[in-house]
Amino acid sequence: MLDLILAILHHLAVFSLVATLAMEGAMLRAPVVDVSRLARLDARFGMTAGLVVVIGVGRVIWGGKGWAFYEANPFFWAKIAMFAAIGLVSVAPTLLFLRWRKAAAGDAGFVPPADQLKRARLAVGLQALLLVPLLGFAAAMARWPF
């Protein structure tokens, strides 16, 4: 039963992560970017990513397949690497959002510079794009060995 609960929680956390990333992308394309709200949403993205990791570790340790399954599974390691890549890509927009929030706190009329906004959009888009192979690796991992 624990394996089922961990699997459900893991999937819910991953779907929440994807939804949060989609909301960030939408907010970055709005005519007026609410930088305070965007920074809060990005903090939620980070917390949710942490939750995905914690629950995932729980699945590896206490789940039904056991560590031996994951240790020998190349798709597991590819999935982990992809998740880490998404995390690394997320650092740049997070730093921008924090900088923007600080600037907006001192200037009510603050508007993110166009070049920084473009970089944030590209980074969030890249994170979303990297989710595609991550999901592919997850599906292959679950079916390994073929």
N, C-alpha and C. Protein backbone atom coordinates (compact mmCIF):
# COMPACT_ATOMS: atom_id res chain seq x y z
N MET A 1 0.82 -1.20 0.00
CA MET A 1 0.00 0.00 0.00
C MET A 1 0.87 1.27 0.00
N LEU A 2 2.00 1.22 0.73
CA LEU A 2 2.89 2.37 0.78
C LEU A 2 3.39 2.74 -0.62
N ASP A 3 3.71 1.71 -1.43
CA ASP A 3 4.17 1.94 -2.79
C ASP A 3 3.12 2.71 -3.60
N LEU A 4 1.87 2.33 -3.47
CA LEU A 4 0.78 3.00 -4.18
C LEU A 4 0.65 4.45 -3.72
N ILE A 5 0.69 4.68 -2.43
CA ILE A 5 0.56 6.04 -1.90
C ILE A 5 1.71 6.92 -2.39
N LEU A 6 2.92 6.39 -2.34
CA LEU A 6 4.08 7.15 -2.82
C LEU A 6 3.98 7.45 -4.32
N ALA A 7 3.50 6.47 -5.09
CA ALA A 7 3.34 6.68 -6.54
C ALA A 7 2.31 7.77 -6.81
N ILE A 8 1.21 7.74 -6.11
CA ILE A 8 0.17 8.77 -6.30
C ILE A 8 0.71 10.14 -5.92
N LEU A 9 1.37 10.23 -4.77
CA LEU A 9 1.93 11.52 -4.33
C LEU A 9 2.99 12.03 -5.30
N HIS A 10 3.81 11.12 -5.81
CA HIS A 10 4.85 11.51 -6.77
C HIS A 10 4.22 12.08 -8.05
N HIS A 11 3.21 11.38 -8.55
CA HIS A 11 2.54 11.87 -9.76
C HIS A 11 1.85 13.21 -9.52
N LEU A 12 1.19 13.35 -8.39
CA LEU A 12 0.54 14.64 -8.08
C LEU A 12 1.57 15.77 -8.00
N ALA A 13 2.70 15.50 -7.39
CA ALA A 13 3.74 16.52 -7.28
C ALA A 13 4.30 16.88 -8.65
N VAL A 14 4.51 15.88 -9.50
CA VAL A 14 5.03 16.15 -10.84
C VAL A 14 4.02 16.96 -11.65
N PHE A 15 2.74 16.60 -11.59
CA PHE A 15 1.73 17.36 -12.32
C PHE A 15 1.63 18.79 -11.79
N SER A 16 1.79 18.96 -10.50
CA SER A 16 1.79 20.30 -9.90
C SER A 16 2.99 21.09 -10.40
N LEU A 17 4.12 20.44 -10.52
CA LEU A 17 5.33 21.10 -11.04
C LEU A 17 5.11 21.58 -12.47
N VAL A 18 4.53 20.73 -13.29
CA VAL A 18 4.26 21.08 -14.69
C VAL A 18 3.26 22.24 -14.75
N ALA A 19 2.22 22.19 -13.93
CA ALA A 19 1.23 23.27 -13.92
C ALA A 19 1.85 24.59 -13.49
N THR A 20 2.71 24.54 -12.49
CA THR A 20 3.37 25.75 -12.02
C THR A 20 4.27 26.33 -13.10
N LEU A 21 4.99 25.48 -13.79
CA LEU A 21 5.85 25.94 -14.88
C LEU A 21 5.01 26.57 -15.99
N ALA A 22 3.88 25.97 -16.30
CA ALA A 22 2.98 26.53 -17.32
C ALA A 22 2.45 27.90 -16.89
N MET A 23 2.13 28.04 -15.61
CA MET A 23 1.66 29.34 -15.11
C MET A 23 2.77 30.38 -15.20
N GLU A 24 4.01 30.00 -14.91
CA GLU A 24 5.13 30.93 -15.05
C GLU A 24 5.24 31.39 -16.50
N GLY A 25 5.17 30.44 -17.41
CA GLY A 25 5.25 30.78 -18.83
C GLY A 25 4.16 31.74 -19.24
N ALA A 26 2.94 31.50 -18.77
CA ALA A 26 1.82 32.38 -19.11
C ALA A 26 2.02 33.77 -18.50
N MET A 27 2.49 33.83 -17.26
CA MET A 27 2.71 35.13 -16.62
C MET A 27 3.78 35.94 -17.34
N LEU A 28 4.79 35.25 -17.86
CA LEU A 28 5.87 35.94 -18.58
C LEU A 28 5.40 36.48 -19.93
N ARG A 29 4.29 35.97 -20.43
CA ARG A 29 3.77 36.44 -21.72
C ARG A 29 2.64 37.46 -21.55
N ALA A 30 2.26 37.75 -20.32
CA ALA A 30 1.19 38.72 -20.07
C ALA A 30 1.66 40.12 -20.46
N PRO A 31 0.72 40.99 -20.83
CA PRO A 31 1.11 42.36 -21.19
C PRO A 31 1.82 43.10 -20.05
N VAL A 32 1.41 42.82 -18.82
CA VAL A 32 2.06 43.40 -17.64
C VAL A 32 2.46 42.25 -16.73
N VAL A 33 3.75 42.16 -16.42
CA VAL A 33 4.26 41.07 -15.59
C VAL A 33 4.19 41.49 -14.13
N ASP A 34 3.43 40.73 -13.35
CA ASP A 34 3.35 40.95 -11.90
C ASP A 34 4.54 40.24 -11.27
N VAL A 35 5.64 40.98 -11.06
CA VAL A 35 6.89 40.35 -10.64
C VAL A 35 6.81 39.76 -9.23
N SER A 36 6.03 40.37 -8.37
CA SER A 36 5.89 39.83 -7.02
C SER A 36 5.19 38.48 -7.05
N ARG A 37 4.12 38.41 -7.80
CA ARG A 37 3.37 37.15 -7.92
C ARG A 37 4.21 36.09 -8.64
N LEU A 38 4.96 36.52 -9.65
CA LEU A 38 5.83 35.61 -10.38
C LEU A 38 6.91 35.03 -9.47
N ALA A 39 7.50 35.85 -8.62
CA ALA A 39 8.52 35.36 -7.68
C ALA A 39 7.92 34.37 -6.69
N ARG A 40 6.69 34.64 -6.23
CA ARG A 40 6.03 33.70 -5.31
C ARG A 40 5.74 32.37 -6.02
N LEU A 41 5.29 32.47 -7.24
CA LEU A 41 5.00 31.26 -8.02
C LEU A 41 6.28 30.46 -8.27
N ASP A 42 7.37 31.16 -8.54
CA ASP A 42 8.64 30.48 -8.76
C ASP A 42 9.13 29.81 -7.48
N ALA A 43 8.87 30.43 -6.33
CA ALA A 43 9.21 29.79 -5.05
C ALA A 43 8.40 28.52 -4.88
N ARG A 44 7.13 28.55 -5.29
CA ARG A 44 6.29 27.34 -5.24
C ARG A 44 6.86 26.27 -6.17
N PHE A 45 7.36 26.70 -7.33
CA PHE A 45 7.98 25.76 -8.27
C PHE A 45 9.16 25.06 -7.59
N GLY A 46 10.01 25.82 -6.92
CA GLY A 46 11.15 25.24 -6.23
C GLY A 46 10.75 24.30 -5.12
N MET A 47 9.75 24.71 -4.34
CA MET A 47 9.29 23.84 -3.25
C MET A 47 8.68 22.55 -3.79
N THR A 48 7.95 22.67 -4.88
CA THR A 48 7.34 21.48 -5.49
C THR A 48 8.41 20.56 -6.06
N ALA A 49 9.44 21.15 -6.66
CA ALA A 49 10.55 20.33 -7.17
C ALA A 49 11.21 19.57 -6.02
N GLY A 50 11.38 20.24 -4.89
CA GLY A 50 11.93 19.57 -3.72
C GLY A 50 11.05 18.43 -3.25
N LEU A 51 9.75 18.65 -3.29
CA LEU A 51 8.79 17.62 -2.90
C LEU A 51 8.87 16.42 -3.85
N VAL A 52 9.02 16.69 -5.15
CA VAL A 52 9.17 15.62 -6.13
C VAL A 52 10.39 14.77 -5.78
N VAL A 53 11.48 15.42 -5.43
CA VAL A 53 12.71 14.70 -5.08
C VAL A 53 12.51 13.87 -3.81
N VAL A 54 11.94 14.48 -2.78
CA VAL A 54 11.75 13.77 -1.50
C VAL A 54 10.85 12.55 -1.68
N ILE A 55 9.75 12.74 -2.38
CA ILE A 55 8.84 11.61 -2.61
C ILE A 55 9.50 10.57 -3.51
N GLY A 56 10.25 11.04 -4.51
CA GLY A 56 10.96 10.10 -5.38
C GLY A 56 11.97 9.26 -4.62
N VAL A 57 12.70 9.89 -3.71
CA VAL A 57 13.64 9.15 -2.88
C VAL A 57 12.88 8.13 -2.03
N GLY A 58 11.73 8.54 -1.52
CA GLY A 58 10.90 7.61 -0.76
C GLY A 58 10.48 6.41 -1.58
N ARG A 59 10.16 6.67 -2.84
CA ARG A 59 9.78 5.55 -3.72
C ARG A 59 10.95 4.60 -3.95
N VAL A 60 12.14 5.18 -4.11
CA VAL A 60 13.32 4.34 -4.33
C VAL A 60 13.61 3.50 -3.09
N ILE A 61 13.50 4.11 -1.92
CA ILE A 61 13.84 3.41 -0.67
C ILE A 61 12.74 2.44 -0.24
N TRP A 62 11.50 2.91 -0.22
CA TRP A 62 10.41 2.10 0.35
C TRP A 62 9.42 1.55 -0.69
N GLY A 63 9.63 1.89 -1.96
CA GLY A 63 8.71 1.43 -3.00
C GLY A 63 8.87 -0.05 -3.30
N GLY A 64 7.96 -0.56 -4.07
CA GLY A 64 7.89 -1.98 -4.34
C GLY A 64 9.03 -2.53 -5.19
N LYS A 65 9.67 -1.68 -6.02
CA LYS A 65 10.70 -2.20 -6.92
C LYS A 65 12.06 -2.33 -6.25
N GLY A 66 12.32 -1.54 -5.25
CA GLY A 66 13.59 -1.63 -4.53
C GLY A 66 14.75 -0.96 -5.23
N TRP A 67 15.78 -0.67 -4.43
CA TRP A 67 16.95 0.05 -4.93
C TRP A 67 17.64 -0.67 -6.08
N ALA A 68 17.71 -1.98 -6.05
CA ALA A 68 18.42 -2.73 -7.10
C ALA A 68 17.83 -2.43 -8.48
N PHE A 69 16.51 -2.30 -8.54
CA PHE A 69 15.85 -1.98 -9.82
C PHE A 69 16.34 -0.63 -10.34
N TYR A 70 16.35 0.38 -9.48
CA TYR A 70 16.72 1.73 -9.89
C TYR A 70 18.21 1.86 -10.17
N GLU A 71 19.02 1.24 -9.34
CA GLU A 71 20.47 1.35 -9.47
C GLU A 71 20.96 0.87 -10.83
N ALA A 72 20.37 -0.19 -11.33
CA ALA A 72 20.80 -0.79 -12.60
C ALA A 72 20.05 -0.25 -13.80
N ASN A 73 19.10 0.65 -13.59
CA ASN A 73 18.23 1.12 -14.66
C ASN A 73 18.80 2.38 -15.30
N PRO A 74 19.27 2.30 -16.56
CA PRO A 74 19.85 3.48 -17.20
C PRO A 74 18.83 4.61 -17.41
N PHE A 75 17.57 4.25 -17.57
CA PHE A 75 16.55 5.28 -17.78
C PHE A 75 16.26 6.05 -16.49
N PHE A 76 16.41 5.40 -15.35
CA PHE A 76 16.29 6.09 -14.07
C PHE A 76 17.35 7.18 -13.99
N TRP A 77 18.58 6.83 -14.30
CA TRP A 77 19.67 7.80 -14.22
C TRP A 77 19.51 8.90 -15.25
N ALA A 78 19.00 8.57 -16.42
CA ALA A 78 18.73 9.60 -17.44
C ALA A 78 17.63 10.54 -16.96
N LYS A 79 16.63 10.00 -16.30
CA LYS A 79 15.54 10.82 -15.74
C LYS A 79 16.08 11.75 -14.66
N ILE A 80 16.92 11.23 -13.79
CA ILE A 80 17.53 12.05 -12.74
C ILE A 80 18.38 13.16 -13.35
N ALA A 81 19.16 12.82 -14.37
CA ALA A 81 20.01 13.82 -15.04
C ALA A 81 19.15 14.90 -15.69
N MET A 82 18.04 14.51 -16.29
CA MET A 82 17.16 15.49 -16.93
C MET A 82 16.52 16.40 -15.89
N PHE A 83 16.11 15.82 -14.76
CA PHE A 83 15.53 16.62 -13.69
C PHE A 83 16.56 17.62 -13.16
N ALA A 84 17.80 17.17 -13.03
CA ALA A 84 18.88 18.06 -12.58
C ALA A 84 19.12 19.17 -13.60
N ALA A 85 19.05 18.84 -14.89
CA ALA A 85 19.23 19.85 -15.94
C ALA A 85 18.12 20.90 -15.86
N ILE A 86 16.90 20.46 -15.64
CA ILE A 86 15.78 21.40 -15.49
C ILE A 86 16.04 22.30 -14.28
N GLY A 87 16.52 21.71 -13.20
CA GLY A 87 16.84 22.50 -12.01
C GLY A 87 17.92 23.54 -12.28
N LEU A 88 18.95 23.15 -13.01
CA LEU A 88 20.02 24.10 -13.34
C LEU A 88 19.52 25.23 -14.23
N VAL A 89 18.69 24.90 -15.20
CA VAL A 89 18.13 25.93 -16.09
C VAL A 89 17.24 26.88 -15.30
N SER A 90 16.59 26.38 -14.25
CA SER A 90 15.66 27.21 -13.48
C SER A 90 16.36 28.26 -12.62
N VAL A 91 17.66 28.12 -12.41
CA VAL A 91 18.37 29.06 -11.54
C VAL A 91 18.35 30.47 -12.13
N ALA A 92 18.64 30.60 -13.41
CA ALA A 92 18.72 31.93 -14.04
C ALA A 92 17.41 32.71 -13.93
N PRO A 93 16.26 32.13 -14.30
CA PRO A 93 15.03 32.91 -14.16
C PRO A 93 14.69 33.20 -12.69
N THR A 94 15.02 32.27 -11.80
CA THR A 94 14.75 32.52 -10.38
C THR A 94 15.51 33.76 -9.91
N LEU A 95 16.77 33.86 -10.29
CA LEU A 95 17.56 35.03 -9.90
C LEU A 95 16.99 36.31 -10.52
N LEU A 96 16.53 36.23 -11.77
CA LEU A 96 15.90 37.39 -12.40
C LEU A 96 14.63 37.79 -11.66
N PHE A 97 13.79 36.82 -11.33
CA PHE A 97 12.52 37.12 -10.65
C PHE A 97 12.78 37.79 -9.30
N LEU A 98 13.78 37.31 -8.58
CA LEU A 98 14.11 37.91 -7.29
C LEU A 98 14.62 39.35 -7.46
N ARG A 99 15.45 39.55 -8.47
CA ARG A 99 15.95 40.89 -8.78
C ARG A 99 14.81 41.82 -9.17
N TRP A 100 13.89 41.31 -9.98
CA TRP A 100 12.75 42.12 -10.41
C TRP A 100 11.86 42.48 -9.23
N ARG A 101 11.63 41.51 -8.34
CA ARG A 101 10.78 41.78 -7.17
C ARG A 101 11.41 42.87 -6.30
N LYS A 102 12.71 42.80 -6.12
CA LYS A 102 13.41 43.82 -5.33
C LYS A 102 13.31 45.19 -6.01
N ALA A 103 13.48 45.22 -7.32
CA ALA A 103 13.38 46.48 -8.05
C ALA A 103 11.96 47.04 -7.99
N ALA A 104 10.97 46.16 -8.09
CA ALA A 104 9.57 46.60 -8.03
C ALA A 104 9.19 47.11 -6.65
N ALA A 105 9.83 46.57 -5.61
CA ALA A 105 9.55 47.05 -4.25
C ALA A 105 9.99 48.49 -4.08
N GLY A 106 11.04 48.89 -4.80
CA GLY A 106 11.54 50.25 -4.71
C GLY A 106 10.97 51.19 -5.75
N ASP A 107 10.30 50.64 -6.75
CA ASP A 107 9.76 51.45 -7.85
C ASP A 107 8.45 50.82 -8.33
N ALA A 108 7.34 51.43 -7.96
CA ALA A 108 6.02 50.89 -8.30
C ALA A 108 5.81 50.77 -9.80
N GLY A 109 6.53 51.55 -10.58
CA GLY A 109 6.38 51.51 -12.04
C GLY A 109 7.39 50.62 -12.72
N PHE A 110 8.06 49.78 -11.96
CA PHE A 110 9.10 48.92 -12.55
C PHE A 110 8.51 47.99 -13.60
N VAL A 111 9.22 47.91 -14.71
CA VAL A 111 8.88 46.97 -15.79
C VAL A 111 10.15 46.19 -16.10
N PRO A 112 10.08 44.86 -16.13
CA PRO A 112 11.29 44.09 -16.44
C PRO A 112 11.85 44.47 -17.80
N PRO A 113 13.17 44.65 -17.88
CA PRO A 113 13.79 44.97 -19.17
C PRO A 113 13.48 43.90 -20.22
N ALA A 114 13.28 44.32 -21.44
CA ALA A 114 12.88 43.41 -22.52
C ALA A 114 13.87 42.27 -22.71
N ASP A 115 15.16 42.55 -22.64
CA ASP A 115 16.14 41.48 -22.85
C ASP A 115 16.10 40.45 -21.72
N GLN A 116 15.88 40.90 -20.49
CA GLN A 116 15.78 39.97 -19.37
C GLN A 116 14.48 39.16 -19.44
N LEU A 117 13.43 39.81 -19.86
CA LEU A 117 12.14 39.13 -20.02
C LEU A 117 12.27 38.03 -21.08
N LYS A 118 12.96 38.35 -22.15
CA LYS A 118 13.17 37.36 -23.22
C LYS A 118 13.99 36.18 -22.71
N ARG A 119 15.04 36.45 -21.92
CA ARG A 119 15.86 35.37 -21.35
C ARG A 119 15.04 34.50 -20.41
N ALA A 120 14.19 35.12 -19.61
CA ALA A 120 13.34 34.36 -18.68
C ALA A 120 12.37 33.48 -19.46
N ARG A 121 11.76 34.03 -20.50
CA ARG A 121 10.84 33.24 -21.33
C ARG A 121 11.55 32.04 -21.96
N LEU A 122 12.75 32.28 -22.48
CA LEU A 122 13.51 31.19 -23.10
C LEU A 122 13.86 30.11 -22.08
N ALA A 123 14.27 30.51 -20.88
CA ALA A 123 14.63 29.54 -19.84
C ALA A 123 13.43 28.71 -19.41
N VAL A 124 12.30 29.37 -19.20
CA VAL A 124 11.09 28.65 -18.80
C VAL A 124 10.64 27.73 -19.95
N GLY A 125 10.74 28.20 -21.17
CA GLY A 125 10.41 27.35 -22.32
C GLY A 125 11.34 26.15 -22.43
N LEU A 126 12.63 26.36 -22.16
CA LEU A 126 13.58 25.25 -22.19
C LEU A 126 13.26 24.23 -21.11
N GLN A 127 12.89 24.70 -19.93
CA GLN A 127 12.50 23.78 -18.85
C GLN A 127 11.32 22.92 -19.30
N ALA A 128 10.34 23.56 -19.92
CA ALA A 128 9.17 22.82 -20.40
C ALA A 128 9.57 21.81 -21.48
N LEU A 129 10.47 22.22 -22.35
CA LEU A 129 10.93 21.31 -23.41
C LEU A 129 11.67 20.11 -22.83
N LEU A 130 12.47 20.34 -21.79
CA LEU A 130 13.22 19.26 -21.16
C LEU A 130 12.31 18.27 -20.43
N LEU A 131 11.09 18.67 -20.13
CA LEU A 131 10.14 17.75 -19.52
C LEU A 131 9.77 16.60 -20.48
N VAL A 132 9.84 16.85 -21.77
CA VAL A 132 9.45 15.83 -22.75
C VAL A 132 10.36 14.60 -22.65
N PRO A 133 11.68 14.76 -22.76
CA PRO A 133 12.50 13.55 -22.60
C PRO A 133 12.43 12.98 -21.18
N LEU A 134 12.26 13.83 -20.16
CA LEU A 134 12.14 13.33 -18.80
C LEU A 134 10.96 12.36 -18.70
N LEU A 135 9.83 12.75 -19.27
CA LEU A 135 8.66 11.87 -19.23
C LEU A 135 8.89 10.60 -20.05
N GLY A 136 9.62 10.73 -21.15
CA GLY A 136 9.96 9.55 -21.94
C GLY A 136 10.86 8.60 -21.15
N PHE A 137 11.85 9.16 -20.45
CA PHE A 137 12.72 8.33 -19.62
C PHE A 137 11.93 7.66 -18.49
N ALA A 138 10.98 8.39 -17.92
CA ALA A 138 10.15 7.82 -16.84
C ALA A 138 9.35 6.63 -17.35
N ALA A 139 8.77 6.77 -18.54
CA ALA A 139 7.99 5.66 -19.11
C ALA A 139 8.89 4.47 -19.42
N ALA A 140 10.07 4.75 -19.98
CA ALA A 140 10.99 3.66 -20.30
C ALA A 140 11.51 3.00 -19.03
N MET A 141 11.76 3.82 -18.01
CA MET A 141 12.25 3.30 -16.74
C MET A 141 11.28 2.29 -16.14
N ALA A 142 10.02 2.63 -16.18
CA ALA A 142 8.99 1.77 -15.58
C ALA A 142 8.88 0.42 -16.31
N ARG A 143 9.28 0.38 -17.57
CA ARG A 143 9.12 -0.83 -18.37
C ARG A 143 10.44 -1.59 -18.53
N TRP A 144 11.50 -1.09 -17.96
CA TRP A 144 12.81 -1.70 -18.10
C TRP A 144 12.92 -2.92 -17.19
N PRO A 145 13.55 -3.99 -17.54
CA PRO A 145 14.15 -4.25 -18.86
C PRO A 145 13.06 -4.62 -19.87
N PHE A 146 13.31 -4.27 -21.09
CA PHE A 146 12.29 -4.46 -22.13
C PHE A 146 12.11 -5.91 -22.49
